[in-house]
C-alpha atoms as a PDB file:
ATOM      1  CA  MET A   1     -21.886   5.069  47.309  1.00  0.00           C
ATOM      2  CA  TYR A   2     -21.819   1.488  48.482  1.00  0.00           C
ATOM      3  CA  ALA A   3     -20.183  -0.301  51.490  1.00  0.00           C
ATOM      4  CA  ILE A   4     -19.614  -3.888  52.626  1.00  0.00           C
ATOM      5  CA  VAL A   5     -20.557  -4.558  56.118  1.00  0.00           C
ATOM      6  CA  ALA A   6     -20.235  -7.634  58.442  1.00  0.00           C
ATOM      7  CA  THR A   7     -23.099  -8.484  60.607  1.00  0.00           C
ATOM      8  CA  GLY A   8     -24.378 -11.817  62.192  1.00  0.00           C
ATOM      9  CA  GLY A   9     -21.334 -13.667  60.704  1.00  0.00           C
ATOM     10  CA  LYS A  10     -22.026 -12.728  57.127  1.00  0.00           C
ATOM     11  CA  GLN A  11     -21.021  -9.877  54.717  1.00  0.00           C
ATOM     12  CA  TYR A  12     -23.427  -7.648  52.868  1.00  0.00           C
ATOM     13  CA  ARG A  13     -22.918  -5.198  50.099  1.00  0.00           C
ATOM     14  CA  VAL A  14     -25.289  -2.169  50.892  1.00  0.00           C
ATOM     15  CA  LYS A  15     -26.310   1.185  49.304  1.00  0.00           C
ATOM     16  CA  GLU A  16     -28.307   4.034  50.684  1.00  0.00           C
ATOM     17  CA  GLY A  17     -32.038   3.430  50.599  1.00  0.00           C
ATOM     18  CA  GLU A  18     -31.804  -0.402  50.335  1.00  0.00           C
ATOM     19  CA  LYS A  19     -33.632  -2.776  52.611  1.00  0.00           C
ATOM     20  CA  LEU A  20     -32.331  -6.136  53.564  1.00  0.00           C
ATOM     21  CA  ARG A  21     -32.700  -9.019  56.008  1.00  0.00           C
ATOM     22  CA  VAL A  22     -29.898  -9.731  58.343  1.00  0.00           C
ATOM     23  CA  GLU A  23     -29.571 -12.125  61.495  1.00  0.00           C
ATOM     24  CA  LYS A  24     -31.450 -11.195  64.414  1.00  0.00           C
ATOM     25  CA  LEU A  25     -30.407  -7.963  66.162  1.00  0.00           C
ATOM     26  CA  SER A  26     -31.473  -6.916  69.622  1.00  0.00           C
ATOM     27  CA  ALA A  27     -33.322  -3.790  68.388  1.00  0.00           C
ATOM     28  CA  GLU A  28     -36.901  -2.857  68.370  1.00  0.00           C
ATOM     29  CA  THR A  29     -39.025  -1.653  65.265  1.00  0.00           C
ATOM     30  CA  GLY A  30     -38.134   1.999  64.434  1.00  0.00           C
ATOM     31  CA  ASP A  31     -34.754   2.072  66.298  1.00  0.00           C
ATOM     32  CA  THR A  32     -31.557   3.447  64.625  1.00  0.00           C
ATOM     33  CA  ILE A  33     -28.555   1.180  64.615  1.00  0.00           C
ATOM     34  CA  GLU A  34     -24.886   1.633  63.530  1.00  0.00           C
ATOM     35  CA  LEU A  35     -22.934  -0.998  61.640  1.00  0.00           C
ATOM     36  CA  ASP A  36     -19.289  -0.227  62.413  1.00  0.00           C
ATOM     37  CA  LYS A  37     -17.882  -3.232  61.091  1.00  0.00           C
ATOM     38  CA  VAL A  38     -17.221  -1.681  57.608  1.00  0.00           C
ATOM     39  CA  LEU A  39     -14.974  -3.782  55.310  1.00  0.00           C
ATOM     40  CA  MET A  40     -14.929  -1.524  52.234  1.00  0.00           C
ATOM     41  CA  VAL A  41     -16.531   1.731  51.056  1.00  0.00           C
ATOM     42  CA  GLY A  42     -16.362   2.664  47.224  1.00  0.00           C
ATOM     43  CA  GLU A  43     -17.828   5.194  44.745  1.00  0.00           C
ATOM     44  CA  GLY A  44     -16.759   4.723  41.295  1.00  0.00           C
ATOM     45  CA  ASP A  45     -12.989   4.578  41.176  1.00  0.00           C
ATOM     46  CA  ASP A  46     -12.570   5.825  44.570  1.00  0.00           C
ATOM     47  CA  VAL A  47     -12.381   2.476  46.930  1.00  0.00           C
ATOM     48  CA  LYS A  48     -11.209   2.389  50.576  1.00  0.00           C
ATOM     49  CA  ILE A  49     -10.350  -1.079  51.969  1.00  0.00           C
ATOM     50  CA  GLY A  50      -9.863  -1.866  55.695  1.00  0.00           C
ATOM     51  CA  ALA A  51      -7.626  -4.133  57.252  1.00  0.00           C
ATOM     52  CA  PRO A  52      -9.793  -5.840  58.323  1.00  0.00           C
ATOM     53  CA  TYR A  53     -12.127  -2.751  59.008  1.00  0.00           C
ATOM     54  CA  LEU A  54     -11.993   0.967  58.171  1.00  0.00           C
ATOM     55  CA  GLU A  55     -11.278   3.143  60.964  1.00  0.00           C
ATOM     56  CA  GLY A  56     -14.082   5.738  61.602  1.00  0.00           C
ATOM     57  CA  ALA A  57     -16.442   4.416  58.969  1.00  0.00           C
ATOM     58  CA  LYS A  58     -19.853   3.419  59.826  1.00  0.00           C
ATOM     59  CA  VAL A  59     -23.216   2.548  58.142  1.00  0.00           C
ATOM     60  CA  THR A  60     -26.445   3.697  59.957  1.00  0.00           C
ATOM     61  CA  ALA A  61     -29.744   1.825  59.391  1.00  0.00           C
ATOM     62  CA  THR A  62     -33.314   1.988  60.989  1.00  0.00           C
ATOM     63  CA  VAL A  63     -34.861  -1.348  61.975  1.00  0.00           C
ATOM     64  CA  ALA A  64     -38.181  -1.750  59.599  1.00  0.00           C
ATOM     65  CA  ALA A  65     -39.207  -5.239  61.272  1.00  0.00           C
ATOM     66  CA  ASN A  66     -38.390  -8.239  63.110  1.00  0.00           C
ATOM     67  CA  GLY A  67     -39.833 -11.679  62.262  1.00  0.00           C
ATOM     68  CA  ARG A  68     -39.072 -15.225  61.395  1.00  0.00           C
ATOM     69  CA  GLY A  69     -38.611 -16.677  57.968  1.00  0.00           C
ATOM     70  CA  ALA A  70     -40.377 -19.621  56.105  1.00  0.00           C
ATOM     71  CA  LYS A  71     -40.320 -22.928  57.810  1.00  0.00           C
ATOM     72  CA  VAL A  72     -37.625 -25.332  56.600  1.00  0.00           C
ATOM     73  CA  LYS A  73     -38.506 -28.981  57.022  1.00  0.00           C
ATOM     74  CA  ILE A  74     -35.849 -31.532  57.628  1.00  0.00           C
ATOM     75  CA  ILE A  75     -36.908 -35.105  57.007  1.00  0.00           C
ATOM     76  CA  LYS A  76     -34.736 -38.213  57.507  1.00  0.00           C
ATOM     77  CA  PHE A  77     -35.992 -41.497  56.251  1.00  0.00           C
ATOM     78  CA  ASN A  78     -34.525 -44.857  55.958  1.00  0.00           C
ATOM     79  CA  ARG A  79     -36.727 -47.330  53.650  1.00  0.00           C
ATOM     80  CA  ARG A  80     -37.403 -50.825  55.054  1.00  0.00           C
ATOM     81  CA  LYS A  81     -35.780 -49.869  58.726  1.00  0.00           C
ATOM     82  CA  HIS A  82     -39.024 -48.397  60.160  1.00  0.00           C
ATOM     83  CA  TYR A  83     -37.037 -45.042  60.652  1.00  0.00           C
ATOM     84  CA  ARG A  84     -38.446 -41.579  59.916  1.00  0.00           C
ATOM     85  CA  LYS A  85     -37.709 -38.421  61.560  1.00  0.00           C
ATOM     86  CA  GLN A  86     -39.149 -35.200  60.873  1.00  0.00           C
ATOM     87  CA  MET A  87     -38.216 -31.657  62.068  1.00  0.00           C
ATOM     88  CA  GLY A  88     -38.624 -27.935  61.221  1.00  0.00           C
ATOM     89  CA  HIS A  89     -36.857 -24.677  61.661  1.00  0.00           C
ATOM     90  CA  ARG A  90     -37.710 -21.159  61.245  1.00  0.00           C
ATOM     91  CA  GLN A  91     -34.756 -18.570  61.226  1.00  0.00           C
ATOM     92  CA  SER A  92     -35.349 -15.324  63.020  1.00  0.00           C
ATOM     93  CA  PHE A  93     -34.219 -12.146  61.220  1.00  0.00           C
ATOM     94  CA  THR A  94     -34.272  -8.284  61.454  1.00  0.00           C
ATOM     95  CA  GLU A  95     -35.213  -6.393  58.333  1.00  0.00           C
ATOM     96  CA  ILE A  96     -33.217  -3.172  58.175  1.00  0.00           C
ATOM     97  CA  GLU A  97     -33.202  -0.022  55.751  1.00  0.00           C
ATOM     98  CA  ILE A  98     -29.875   1.809  55.129  1.00  0.00           C
ATOM     99  CA  THR A  99     -30.089   5.387  55.889  1.00  0.00           C
ATOM    100  CA  GLY A 100     -26.452   6.628  55.477  1.00  0.00           C
ATOM    101  CA  ILE A 101     -23.011   5.589  54.715  1.00  0.00           C
ATOM    102  CA  SER A 102     -20.096   7.578  56.199  1.00  0.00           C
ATOM    103  CA  ALA A 103     -16.239   6.861  55.480  1.00  0.00           C
END
């Protein structure tokens, strides 16, 4: 069984036992969270689609870790103009493990 959930402005296709990194959630490591914005649940030919979300469907997950991703370097440079600007960014994430899908 799989589901498509929306969290952090993005949509993810998840299955039980799967680990994925989502946008930062306000939960500590080891906490159980419920993702209730379920767009679709399917298993084989049996597919349920919400409009926009499925009523009563939810995906439960446990928080495996909180962290920050690799640094992304932003460099702006104009040759012969004495202009150089350098910045960096590290995006925060929450790694979750899917424990259950209920339709």
